[in-house]
Amino acid sequence: MKWADFSKLIKTRLTFLVVFSASISFLIGSRVNGHVIWIDWAKLIIGGFLVTAAANSFNEIIEKDLDKLMKRTMDRPIPSGKMTTGQALVLGLGMGMAGTYLLGSLNLLTGLLSVFSILLYAFAYTPLKRKSPIAVFVGAIPGALPPLIGYVAAQVHGRIDDIAVILFSIQFIWQFVHFWAIAWVLDDDYKLAGFRLLPSGKRDVTSAVITFIFAVIMVPVSLLPTIYGYGGYWVGGVSLLCSLIFLYQAFMLLRTREIPEARKLMFGSFFYLPIVQIMFLVDFIVK
């Protein structure tokens, strides 16, 4: 088995994005405690990587026949025949157990949340993608759990407080605009596998309006750290600026309903989240 095939199985870039989000939240949680336990940070990164990689592996096992139908996924290791389902399953189970053990060693709640994330993503979100657009809502939950898990991992006894909820909320609402922008760009490919991810199931005014509404909701949600006094004016200002740019991109999609505008919104979503999260961390530390 080549590294390139393994990398496609675990969706390396997506996995690193998830781990990045969790690690930022861990540092914020550590700031609340007054100190950073770096060995725990390392456990979070390794454990989070393994758990996310396992969830992605199970996702590809379940969708192996559907992946053969889509241009962007037909070269993945299982549908292309470079890896067997059994090999992927062994890898997924091994990574899942090892990752859960590492995260569980930080505290029980972190371990439980990681298991919940795997189950919800692989066995609820994945099969729902062909049944209803509600799949995006279901998928947004495990998609928003990394910052919550990262924050909880920094607490010795594991607890969910206001900051944890804020971190979860920002990523949760962001997920919708992010998912729908991608779904708009890839709708033709998704239809080959029967996936229904746009709000109305197609590229129309309804899908564009709903995407825009969630971009509007993103504005006040991004300001929650400042509103509740956990972040200063710097994080508030940067978050507001990023949210307004995000909102403008969603408006352009609503106005034109063209794929190029959806692609701009998609790339905007890639930059939005890390910028807001890093700014929250920096502002929180120097506060």
C-alpha atoms as a PDB file:
ATOM      1  CA  MET A   1       0.000   0.000   0.000  1.00  0.00           C
ATOM      2  CA  LYS A   2       1.354   3.412  -1.004  1.00  0.00           C
ATOM      3  CA  TRP A   3       1.214   6.514   1.180  1.00  0.00           C
ATOM      4  CA  ALA A   4      -0.809   8.297  -1.532  1.00  0.00           C
ATOM      5  CA  ASP A   5      -3.548   5.671  -1.246  1.00  0.00           C
ATOM      6  CA  PHE A   6      -3.570   5.794   2.545  1.00  0.00           C
ATOM      7  CA  SER A   7      -3.691   9.592   2.375  1.00  0.00           C
ATOM      8  CA  LYS A   8      -6.778   9.463   0.151  1.00  0.00           C
ATOM      9  CA  LEU A   9      -8.426   6.923   2.444  1.00  0.00           C
ATOM     10  CA  ILE A  10      -8.107   9.137   5.513  1.00  0.00           C
ATOM     11  CA  LYS A  11      -8.613  12.425   3.594  1.00  0.00           C
ATOM     12  CA  THR A  12      -5.397  13.901   4.977  1.00  0.00           C
ATOM     13  CA  ARG A  13      -6.088  17.578   4.264  1.00  0.00           C
ATOM     14  CA  LEU A  14      -9.525  17.420   5.872  1.00  0.00           C
ATOM     15  CA  THR A  15      -8.089  15.496   8.818  1.00  0.00           C
ATOM     16  CA  PHE A  16      -5.392  18.121   9.405  1.00  0.00           C
ATOM     17  CA  LEU A  17      -8.016  20.886   9.303  1.00  0.00           C
ATOM     18  CA  VAL A  18     -10.023  19.057  11.963  1.00  0.00           C
ATOM     19  CA  VAL A  19      -6.951  18.560  14.160  1.00  0.00           C
ATOM     20  CA  PHE A  20      -5.959  22.209  13.717  1.00  0.00           C
ATOM     21  CA  SER A  21      -9.385  23.333  14.923  1.00  0.00           C
ATOM     22  CA  ALA A  22      -9.222  21.058  17.977  1.00  0.00           C
ATOM     23  CA  SER A  23      -5.666  22.101  18.858  1.00  0.00           C
ATOM     24  CA  ILE A  24      -6.560  25.826  18.806  1.00  0.00           C
ATOM     25  CA  SER A  25      -9.490  25.159  21.149  1.00  0.00           C
ATOM     26  CA  PHE A  26      -7.236  23.089  23.424  1.00  0.00           C
ATOM     27  CA  LEU A  27      -4.902  26.063  23.806  1.00  0.00           C
ATOM     28  CA  ILE A  28      -7.863  28.335  24.582  1.00  0.00           C
ATOM     29  CA  GLY A  29      -9.051  25.837  27.194  1.00  0.00           C
ATOM     30  CA  SER A  30      -5.545  25.650  28.619  1.00  0.00           C
ATOM     31  CA  ARG A  31      -5.463  29.444  28.929  1.00  0.00           C
ATOM     32  CA  VAL A  32      -8.598  29.202  31.080  1.00  0.00           C
ATOM     33  CA  ASN A  33      -6.721  26.775  33.356  1.00  0.00           C
ATOM     34  CA  GLY A  34      -3.710  29.059  33.447  1.00  0.00           C
ATOM     35  CA  HIS A  35      -1.216  26.592  31.972  1.00  0.00           C
ATOM     36  CA  VAL A  36      -0.647  24.300  28.984  1.00  0.00           C
ATOM     37  CA  ILE A  37       0.112  20.605  29.472  1.00  0.00           C
ATOM     38  CA  TRP A  38       2.039  20.004  26.260  1.00  0.00           C
ATOM     39  CA  ILE A  39       1.995  16.207  26.504  1.00  0.00           C
ATOM     40  CA  ASP A  40      -1.811  16.384  26.578  1.00  0.00           C
ATOM     41  CA  TRP A  41      -1.730  18.693  23.558  1.00  0.00           C
ATOM     42  CA  ALA A  42       0.333  16.064  21.721  1.00  0.00           C
ATOM     43  CA  LYS A  43      -2.132  13.340  22.750  1.00  0.00           C
ATOM     44  CA  LEU A  44      -4.990  15.450  21.429  1.00  0.00           C
ATOM     45  CA  ILE A  45      -3.303  16.015  18.081  1.00  0.00           C
ATOM     46  CA  ILE A  46      -2.349  12.359  17.588  1.00  0.00           C
ATOM     47  CA  GLY A  47      -5.612  10.999  18.983  1.00  0.00           C
ATOM     48  CA  GLY A  48      -7.693  13.512  17.038  1.00  0.00           C
ATOM     49  CA  PHE A  49      -5.860  12.672  13.833  1.00  0.00           C
ATOM     50  CA  LEU A  50      -6.445   8.939  14.329  1.00  0.00           C
ATOM     51  CA  VAL A  51     -10.121   9.298  15.231  1.00  0.00           C
ATOM     52  CA  THR A  52     -10.817  11.588  12.275  1.00  0.00           C
ATOM     53  CA  ALA A  53      -8.872   9.290   9.932  1.00  0.00           C
ATOM     54  CA  ALA A  54     -10.922   6.331  11.204  1.00  0.00           C
ATOM     55  CA  ALA A  55     -14.228   8.139  10.591  1.00  0.00           C
ATOM     56  CA  ASN A  56     -13.122   9.017   7.058  1.00  0.00           C
ATOM     57  CA  SER A  57     -12.069   5.404   6.439  1.00  0.00           C
ATOM     58  CA  PHE A  58     -15.487   4.078   7.529  1.00  0.00           C
ATOM     59  CA  ASN A  59     -17.119   6.712   5.318  1.00  0.00           C
ATOM     60  CA  GLU A  60     -15.195   5.483   2.273  1.00  0.00           C
ATOM     61  CA  ILE A  61     -15.928   1.839   3.065  1.00  0.00           C
ATOM     62  CA  ILE A  62     -19.671   2.548   3.221  1.00  0.00           C
ATOM     63  CA  GLU A  63     -19.603   4.656   0.039  1.00  0.00           C
ATOM     64  CA  LYS A  64     -17.189   2.523  -1.989  1.00  0.00           C
ATOM     65  CA  ASP A  65     -19.750   1.662  -4.661  1.00  0.00           C
ATOM     66  CA  LEU A  66     -20.956   5.264  -4.886  1.00  0.00           C
ATOM     67  CA  ASP A  67     -17.414   6.606  -5.126  1.00  0.00           C
ATOM     68  CA  LYS A  68     -16.997   4.658  -8.358  1.00  0.00           C
ATOM     69  CA  LEU A  69     -19.721   6.814  -9.903  1.00  0.00           C
ATOM     70  CA  MET A  70     -18.214  10.234  -9.187  1.00  0.00           C
ATOM     71  CA  LYS A  71     -15.260  11.710 -11.057  1.00  0.00           C
ATOM     72  CA  ARG A  72     -13.671  13.279  -7.977  1.00  0.00           C
ATOM     73  CA  THR A  73     -13.765  10.040  -5.953  1.00  0.00           C
ATOM     74  CA  MET A  74     -13.332   7.194  -8.440  1.00  0.00           C
ATOM     75  CA  ASP A  75      -9.556   7.236  -7.868  1.00  0.00           C
ATOM     76  CA  ARG A  76      -9.873   6.643  -4.126  1.00  0.00           C
ATOM     77  CA  PRO A  77      -8.097   3.445  -3.026  1.00  0.00           C
ATOM     78  CA  ILE A  78     -11.132   1.190  -2.507  1.00  0.00           C
ATOM     79  CA  PRO A  79     -13.159   1.972  -5.683  1.00  0.00           C
ATOM     80  CA  SER A  80      -9.957   2.004  -7.764  1.00  0.00           C
ATOM     81  CA  GLY A  81      -8.997  -1.450  -6.440  1.00  0.00           C
ATOM     82  CA  LYS A  82      -5.747  -0.313  -4.830  1.00  0.00           C
ATOM     83  CA  MET A  83      -7.016  -1.309  -1.397  1.00  0.00           C
ATOM     84  CA  THR A  84      -9.525  -3.929  -0.285  1.00  0.00           C
ATOM     85  CA  THR A  85     -12.471  -3.214   1.971  1.00  0.00           C
ATOM     86  CA  GLY A  86     -10.948  -5.551   4.559  1.00  0.00           C
ATOM     87  CA  GLN A  87      -7.680  -3.630   4.609  1.00  0.00           C
ATOM     88  CA  ALA A  88      -9.506  -0.332   5.010  1.00  0.00           C
ATOM     89  CA  LEU A  89     -11.646  -1.787   7.801  1.00  0.00           C
ATOM     90  CA  VAL A  90      -8.634  -3.060   9.746  1.00  0.00           C
ATOM     91  CA  LEU A  91      -6.929   0.316   9.372  1.00  0.00           C
ATOM     92  CA  GLY A  92     -10.084   2.168  10.392  1.00  0.00           C
ATOM     93  CA  LEU A  93     -10.709   0.025  13.458  1.00  0.00           C
ATOM     94  CA  GLY A  94      -7.065   0.219  14.518  1.00  0.00           C
ATOM     95  CA  MET A  95      -6.912   3.986  14.177  1.00  0.00           C
ATOM     96  CA  GLY A  96     -10.304   4.415  15.828  1.00  0.00           C
ATOM     97  CA  MET A  97      -9.393   2.358  18.892  1.00  0.00           C
ATOM     98  CA  ALA A  98      -5.942   3.917  19.266  1.00  0.00           C
ATOM     99  CA  GLY A  99      -7.304   7.439  18.837  1.00  0.00           C
ATOM    100  CA  THR A 100     -10.166   6.889  21.251  1.00  0.00           C
ATOM    101  CA  TYR A 101      -7.762   5.463  23.834  1.00  0.00           C
ATOM    102  CA  LEU A 102      -5.495   8.513  23.589  1.00  0.00           C
ATOM    103  CA  LEU A 103      -8.360  10.980  23.805  1.00  0.00           C
ATOM    104  CA  GLY A 104     -10.018   9.005  26.586  1.00  0.00           C
ATOM    105  CA  SER A 105      -6.777   9.130  28.565  1.00  0.00           C
ATOM    106  CA  LEU A 106      -7.197  12.911  28.766  1.00  0.00           C
ATOM    107  CA  ASN A 107     -10.632  12.605  30.370  1.00  0.00           C
ATOM    108  CA  LEU A 108     -13.733  10.448  29.952  1.00  0.00           C
ATOM    109  CA  LEU A 109     -15.884  13.107  28.255  1.00  0.00           C
ATOM    110  CA  THR A 110     -13.269  13.688  25.552  1.00  0.00           C
ATOM    111  CA  GLY A 111     -13.213   9.956  24.784  1.00  0.00           C
ATOM    112  CA  LEU A 112     -17.015   9.719  24.687  1.00  0.00           C
ATOM    113  CA  LEU A 113     -17.316  12.733  22.397  1.00  0.00           C
ATOM    114  CA  SER A 114     -14.779  11.226  20.004  1.00  0.00           C
ATOM    115  CA  VAL A 115     -16.737   7.952  19.793  1.00  0.00           C
ATOM    116  CA  PHE A 116     -19.975   9.901  19.294  1.00  0.00           C
ATOM    117  CA  SER A 117     -18.322  11.882  16.495  1.00  0.00           C
ATOM    118  CA  ILE A 118     -17.225   8.717  14.638  1.00  0.00           C
ATOM    119  CA  LEU A 119     -20.640   7.072  14.949  1.00  0.00           C
ATOM    120  CA  LEU A 120     -22.599  10.148  13.891  1.00  0.00           C
ATOM    121  CA  TYR A 121     -20.377  10.932  10.898  1.00  0.00           C
ATOM    122  CA  ALA A 122     -19.919   7.419   9.551  1.00  0.00           C
ATOM    123  CA  PHE A 123     -23.232   5.768  10.376  1.00  0.00           C
ATOM    124  CA  ALA A 124     -25.773   8.621  10.381  1.00  0.00           C
ATOM    125  CA  TYR A 125     -24.501  11.401   8.112  1.00  0.00           C
ATOM    126  CA  THR A 126     -23.023   9.093   5.473  1.00  0.00           C
ATOM    127  CA  PRO A 127     -26.190   7.057   4.689  1.00  0.00           C
ATOM    128  CA  LEU A 128     -28.416  10.149   4.963  1.00  0.00           C
ATOM    129  CA  LYS A 129     -26.579  11.898   2.114  1.00  0.00           C
ATOM    130  CA  ARG A 130     -28.649   9.956  -0.447  1.00  0.00           C
ATOM    131  CA  LYS A 131     -31.943  10.343   1.385  1.00  0.00           C
ATOM    132  CA  SER A 132     -32.415  13.963   2.385  1.00  0.00           C
ATOM    133  CA  PRO A 133     -30.744  17.393   2.599  1.00  0.00           C
ATOM    134  CA  ILE A 134     -31.170  17.006   6.375  1.00  0.00           C
ATOM    135  CA  ALA A 135     -27.886  15.113   6.122  1.00  0.00           C
ATOM    136  CA  VAL A 136     -26.087  18.465   6.162  1.00  0.00           C
ATOM    137  CA  PHE A 137     -27.599  19.277   9.560  1.00  0.00           C
ATOM    138  CA  VAL A 138     -26.597  15.868  10.912  1.00  0.00           C
ATOM    139  CA  GLY A 139     -23.110  16.176   9.417  1.00  0.00           C
ATOM    140  CA  ALA A 140     -22.657  19.655  10.888  1.00  0.00           C
ATOM    141  CA  ILE A 141     -22.741  18.188  14.407  1.00  0.00           C
ATOM    142  CA  PRO A 142     -19.650  15.932  14.139  1.00  0.00           C
ATOM    143  CA  GLY A 143     -18.148  18.611  11.912  1.00  0.00           C
ATOM    144  CA  ALA A 144     -18.414  21.116  14.771  1.00  0.00           C
ATOM    145  CA  LEU A 145     -17.303  18.750  17.541  1.00  0.00           C
ATOM    146  CA  PRO A 146     -13.499  19.155  17.071  1.00  0.00           C
ATOM    147  CA  PRO A 147     -13.292  22.568  18.813  1.00  0.00           C
ATOM    148  CA  LEU A 148     -15.576  21.297  21.569  1.00  0.00           C
ATOM    149  CA  ILE A 149     -13.457  18.158  21.996  1.00  0.00           C
ATOM    150  CA  GLY A 150     -10.268  20.223  21.989  1.00  0.00           C
ATOM    151  CA  TYR A 151     -11.557  22.551  24.691  1.00  0.00           C
ATOM    152  CA  VAL A 152     -12.909  19.716  26.855  1.00  0.00           C
ATOM    153  CA  ALA A 153      -9.594  17.843  26.465  1.00  0.00           C
ATOM    154  CA  ALA A 154      -7.822  20.741  28.184  1.00  0.00           C
ATOM    155  CA  GLN A 155     -10.009  20.399  31.281  1.00  0.00           C
ATOM    156  CA  VAL A 156      -8.698  17.870  33.813  1.00  0.00           C
ATOM    157  CA  HIS A 157     -12.150  16.551  34.685  1.00  0.00           C
ATOM    158  CA  GLY A 158     -13.742  17.387  31.344  1.00  0.00           C
ATOM    159  CA  ARG A 159     -16.439  20.050  31.348  1.00  0.00           C
ATOM    160  CA  ILE A 160     -18.496  22.043  28.876  1.00  0.00           C
ATOM    161  CA  ASP A 161     -18.826  25.731  29.697  1.00  0.00           C
ATOM    162  CA  ASP A 162     -19.805  28.913  27.833  1.00  0.00           C
ATOM    163  CA  ILE A 163     -16.547  29.133  25.882  1.00  0.00           C
ATOM    164  CA  ALA A 164     -16.895  25.519  24.730  1.00  0.00           C
ATOM    165  CA  VAL A 165     -20.433  26.208  23.508  1.00  0.00           C
ATOM    166  CA  ILE A 166     -19.289  29.362  21.682  1.00  0.00           C
ATOM    167  CA  LEU A 167     -16.474  27.484  19.919  1.00  0.00           C
ATOM    168  CA  PHE A 168     -18.921  24.755  18.901  1.00  0.00           C
ATOM    169  CA  SER A 169     -21.550  27.267  17.725  1.00  0.00           C
ATOM    170  CA  ILE A 170     -19.187  29.179  15.449  1.00  0.00           C
ATOM    171  CA  GLN A 171     -18.035  26.017  13.679  1.00  0.00           C
ATOM    172  CA  PHE A 172     -21.562  24.558  13.634  1.00  0.00           C
ATOM    173  CA  ILE A 173     -23.124  27.500  11.765  1.00  0.00           C
ATOM    174  CA  TRP A 174     -20.077  27.814   9.503  1.00  0.00           C
ATOM    175  CA  GLN A 175     -20.556  24.193   8.437  1.00  0.00           C
ATOM    176  CA  PHE A 176     -23.819  24.956   6.606  1.00  0.00           C
ATOM    177  CA  VAL A 177     -22.459  27.687   4.336  1.00  0.00           C
ATOM    178  CA  HIS A 178     -19.285  25.635   3.827  1.00  0.00           C
ATOM    179  CA  PHE A 179     -21.176  22.431   2.936  1.00  0.00           C
ATOM    180  CA  TRP A 180     -23.674  24.122   0.645  1.00  0.00           C
ATOM    181  CA  ALA A 181     -20.992  26.057  -1.245  1.00  0.00           C
ATOM    182  CA  ILE A 182     -19.173  22.782  -1.923  1.00  0.00           C
ATOM    183  CA  ALA A 183     -22.441  21.042  -2.804  1.00  0.00           C
ATOM    184  CA  TRP A 184     -23.286  23.820  -5.280  1.00  0.00           C
ATOM    185  CA  VAL A 185     -19.931  23.457  -7.032  1.00  0.00           C
ATOM    186  CA  LEU A 186     -20.046  19.656  -7.090  1.00  0.00           C
ATOM    187  CA  ASP A 187     -23.795  19.138  -7.540  1.00  0.00           C
ATOM    188  CA  ASP A 188     -23.470  17.510 -10.974  1.00  0.00           C
ATOM    189  CA  ASP A 189     -20.953  14.997  -9.629  1.00  0.00           C
ATOM    190  CA  TYR A 190     -22.976  14.384  -6.466  1.00  0.00           C
ATOM    191  CA  LYS A 191     -26.075  13.621  -8.526  1.00  0.00           C
ATOM    192  CA  LEU A 192     -24.241  10.741 -10.193  1.00  0.00           C
ATOM    193  CA  ALA A 193     -24.179   9.040  -6.776  1.00  0.00           C
ATOM    194  CA  GLY A 194     -27.647  10.222  -5.786  1.00  0.00           C
ATOM    195  CA  PHE A 195     -26.426  12.624  -3.090  1.00  0.00           C
ATOM    196  CA  ARG A 196     -28.868  15.359  -2.072  1.00  0.00           C
ATOM    197  CA  LEU A 197     -26.954  17.996  -0.140  1.00  0.00           C
ATOM    198  CA  LEU A 198     -28.297  21.346  -1.347  1.00  0.00           C
ATOM    199  CA  PRO A 199     -31.223  22.654   0.770  1.00  0.00           C
ATOM    200  CA  SER A 200     -33.782  22.171  -2.012  1.00  0.00           C
ATOM    201  CA  GLY A 201     -31.874  19.348  -3.665  1.00  0.00           C
ATOM    202  CA  LYS A 202     -30.832  21.504  -6.620  1.00  0.00           C
ATOM    203  CA  ARG A 203     -29.135  24.756  -7.653  1.00  0.00           C
ATOM    204  CA  ASP A 204     -32.038  27.181  -7.358  1.00  0.00           C
ATOM    205  CA  VAL A 205     -33.218  30.331  -5.564  1.00  0.00           C
ATOM    206  CA  THR A 206     -34.332  28.373  -2.513  1.00  0.00           C
ATOM    207  CA  SER A 207     -30.905  26.836  -1.962  1.00  0.00           C
ATOM    208  CA  ALA A 208     -29.214  30.209  -2.502  1.00  0.00           C
ATOM    209  CA  VAL A 209     -31.577  32.006  -0.094  1.00  0.00           C
ATOM    210  CA  ILE A 210     -31.097  29.443   2.671  1.00  0.00           C
ATOM    211  CA  THR A 211     -27.315  29.590   2.229  1.00  0.00           C
ATOM    212  CA  PHE A 212     -27.473  33.386   2.463  1.00  0.00           C
ATOM    213  CA  ILE A 213     -29.625  33.220   5.623  1.00  0.00           C
ATOM    214  CA  PHE A 214     -27.027  31.070   7.372  1.00  0.00           C
ATOM    215  CA  ALA A 215     -24.297  33.496   6.272  1.00  0.00           C
ATOM    216  CA  VAL A 216     -26.369  36.247   7.936  1.00  0.00           C
ATOM    217  CA  ILE A 217     -26.641  34.160  11.129  1.00  0.00           C
ATOM    218  CA  MET A 218     -22.864  33.723  11.008  1.00  0.00           C
ATOM    219  CA  VAL A 219     -22.359  37.456  11.668  1.00  0.00           C
ATOM    220  CA  PRO A 220     -23.766  37.604  15.242  1.00  0.00           C
ATOM    221  CA  VAL A 221     -22.532  34.107  16.065  1.00  0.00           C
ATOM    222  CA  SER A 222     -18.958  35.087  15.170  1.00  0.00           C
ATOM    223  CA  LEU A 223     -19.238  37.986  17.625  1.00  0.00           C
ATOM    224  CA  LEU A 224     -20.216  35.781  20.590  1.00  0.00           C
ATOM    225  CA  PRO A 225     -16.673  35.775  22.085  1.00  0.00           C
ATOM    226  CA  THR A 226     -16.767  39.579  22.274  1.00  0.00           C
ATOM    227  CA  ILE A 227     -20.429  39.792  23.302  1.00  0.00           C
ATOM    228  CA  TYR A 228     -19.843  37.486  26.277  1.00  0.00           C
ATOM    229  CA  GLY A 229     -16.559  39.146  27.225  1.00  0.00           C
ATOM    230  CA  TYR A 230     -14.239  36.260  26.385  1.00  0.00           C
ATOM    231  CA  GLY A 231     -12.669  38.145  23.506  1.00  0.00           C
ATOM    232  CA  GLY A 232     -11.777  41.796  23.029  1.00  0.00           C
ATOM    233  CA  TYR A 233     -12.400  44.256  20.237  1.00  0.00           C
ATOM    234  CA  TRP A 234      -9.620  42.832  18.063  1.00  0.00           C
ATOM    235  CA  VAL A 235     -11.249  39.427  17.702  1.00  0.00           C
ATOM    236  CA  GLY A 236     -14.623  41.143  17.353  1.00  0.00           C
ATOM    237  CA  GLY A 237     -13.355  43.405  14.588  1.00  0.00           C
ATOM    238  CA  VAL A 238     -11.593  40.667  12.632  1.00  0.00           C
ATOM    239  CA  SER A 239     -14.559  38.295  13.032  1.00  0.00           C
ATOM    240  CA  LEU A 240     -16.979  40.980  11.868  1.00  0.00           C
ATOM    241  CA  LEU A 241     -14.840  41.803   8.833  1.00  0.00           C
ATOM    242  CA  CYS A 242     -14.474  38.127   7.875  1.00  0.00           C
ATOM    243  CA  SER A 243     -18.201  37.533   8.389  1.00  0.00           C
ATOM    244  CA  LEU A 244     -19.154  40.504   6.213  1.00  0.00           C
ATOM    245  CA  ILE A 245     -16.860  39.279   3.422  1.00  0.00           C
ATOM    246  CA  PHE A 246     -18.403  35.819   3.834  1.00  0.00           C
ATOM    247  CA  LEU A 247     -21.869  37.386   3.710  1.00  0.00           C
ATOM    248  CA  TYR A 248     -21.010  39.333   0.556  1.00  0.00           C
ATOM    249  CA  GLN A 249     -19.839  36.134  -1.144  1.00  0.00           C
ATOM    250  CA  ALA A 250     -23.099  34.418  -0.161  1.00  0.00           C
ATOM    251  CA  PHE A 251     -25.042  37.423  -1.510  1.00  0.00           C
ATOM    252  CA  MET A 252     -23.224  37.184  -4.845  1.00  0.00           C
ATOM    253  CA  LEU A 253     -24.208  33.532  -5.047  1.00  0.00           C
ATOM    254  CA  LEU A 254     -27.810  34.521  -4.309  1.00  0.00           C
ATOM    255  CA  ARG A 255     -27.712  37.222  -6.981  1.00  0.00           C
ATOM    256  CA  THR A 256     -26.103  35.167  -9.757  1.00  0.00           C
ATOM    257  CA  ARG A 257     -26.663  31.549  -8.715  1.00  0.00           C
ATOM    258  CA  GLU A 258     -23.595  30.667 -10.777  1.00  0.00           C
ATOM    259  CA  ILE A 259     -20.935  28.063 -10.007  1.00  0.00           C
ATOM    260  CA  PRO A 260     -18.006  30.562 -10.058  1.00  0.00           C
ATOM    261  CA  GLU A 261     -19.625  32.527  -7.210  1.00  0.00           C
ATOM    262  CA  ALA A 262     -20.236  29.300  -5.274  1.00  0.00           C
ATOM    263  CA  ARG A 263     -16.571  28.432  -5.754  1.00  0.00           C
ATOM    264  CA  LYS A 264     -15.538  31.818  -4.329  1.00  0.00           C
ATOM    265  CA  LEU A 265     -17.768  31.206  -1.316  1.00  0.00           C
ATOM    266  CA  MET A 266     -16.272  27.746  -0.909  1.00  0.00           C
ATOM    267  CA  PHE A 267     -12.705  29.073  -0.881  1.00  0.00           C
ATOM    268  CA  GLY A 268     -13.800  31.890   1.404  1.00  0.00           C
ATOM    269  CA  SER A 269     -15.027  29.309   3.885  1.00  0.00           C
ATOM    270  CA  PHE A 270     -11.598  27.635   3.892  1.00  0.00           C
ATOM    271  CA  PHE A 271      -9.985  30.885   5.054  1.00  0.00           C
ATOM    272  CA  TYR A 272     -12.772  32.121   7.324  1.00  0.00           C
ATOM    273  CA  LEU A 273     -12.654  29.511  10.064  1.00  0.00           C
ATOM    274  CA  PRO A 274      -8.886  29.339  10.783  1.00  0.00           C
ATOM    275  CA  ILE A 275      -8.596  33.148  10.734  1.00  0.00           C
ATOM    276  CA  VAL A 276     -11.431  33.602  13.242  1.00  0.00           C
ATOM    277  CA  GLN A 277     -10.189  30.772  15.476  1.00  0.00           C
ATOM    278  CA  ILE A 278      -6.562  31.957  15.492  1.00  0.00           C
ATOM    279  CA  MET A 279      -7.696  35.517  16.227  1.00  0.00           C
ATOM    280  CA  PHE A 280      -9.802  34.268  19.139  1.00  0.00           C
ATOM    281  CA  LEU A 281      -6.790  32.400  20.526  1.00  0.00           C
ATOM    282  CA  VAL A 282      -4.385  35.336  20.134  1.00  0.00           C
ATOM    283  CA  ASP A 283      -6.867  37.828  21.587  1.00  0.00           C
ATOM    284  CA  PHE A 284      -7.716  35.457  24.445  1.00  0.00           C
ATOM    285  CA  ILE A 285      -4.042  34.939  25.345  1.00  0.00           C
ATOM    286  CA  VAL A 286      -2.976  38.599  25.300  1.00  0.00           C
ATOM    287  CA  LYS A 287      -6.153  39.819  26.971  1.00  0.00           C
END
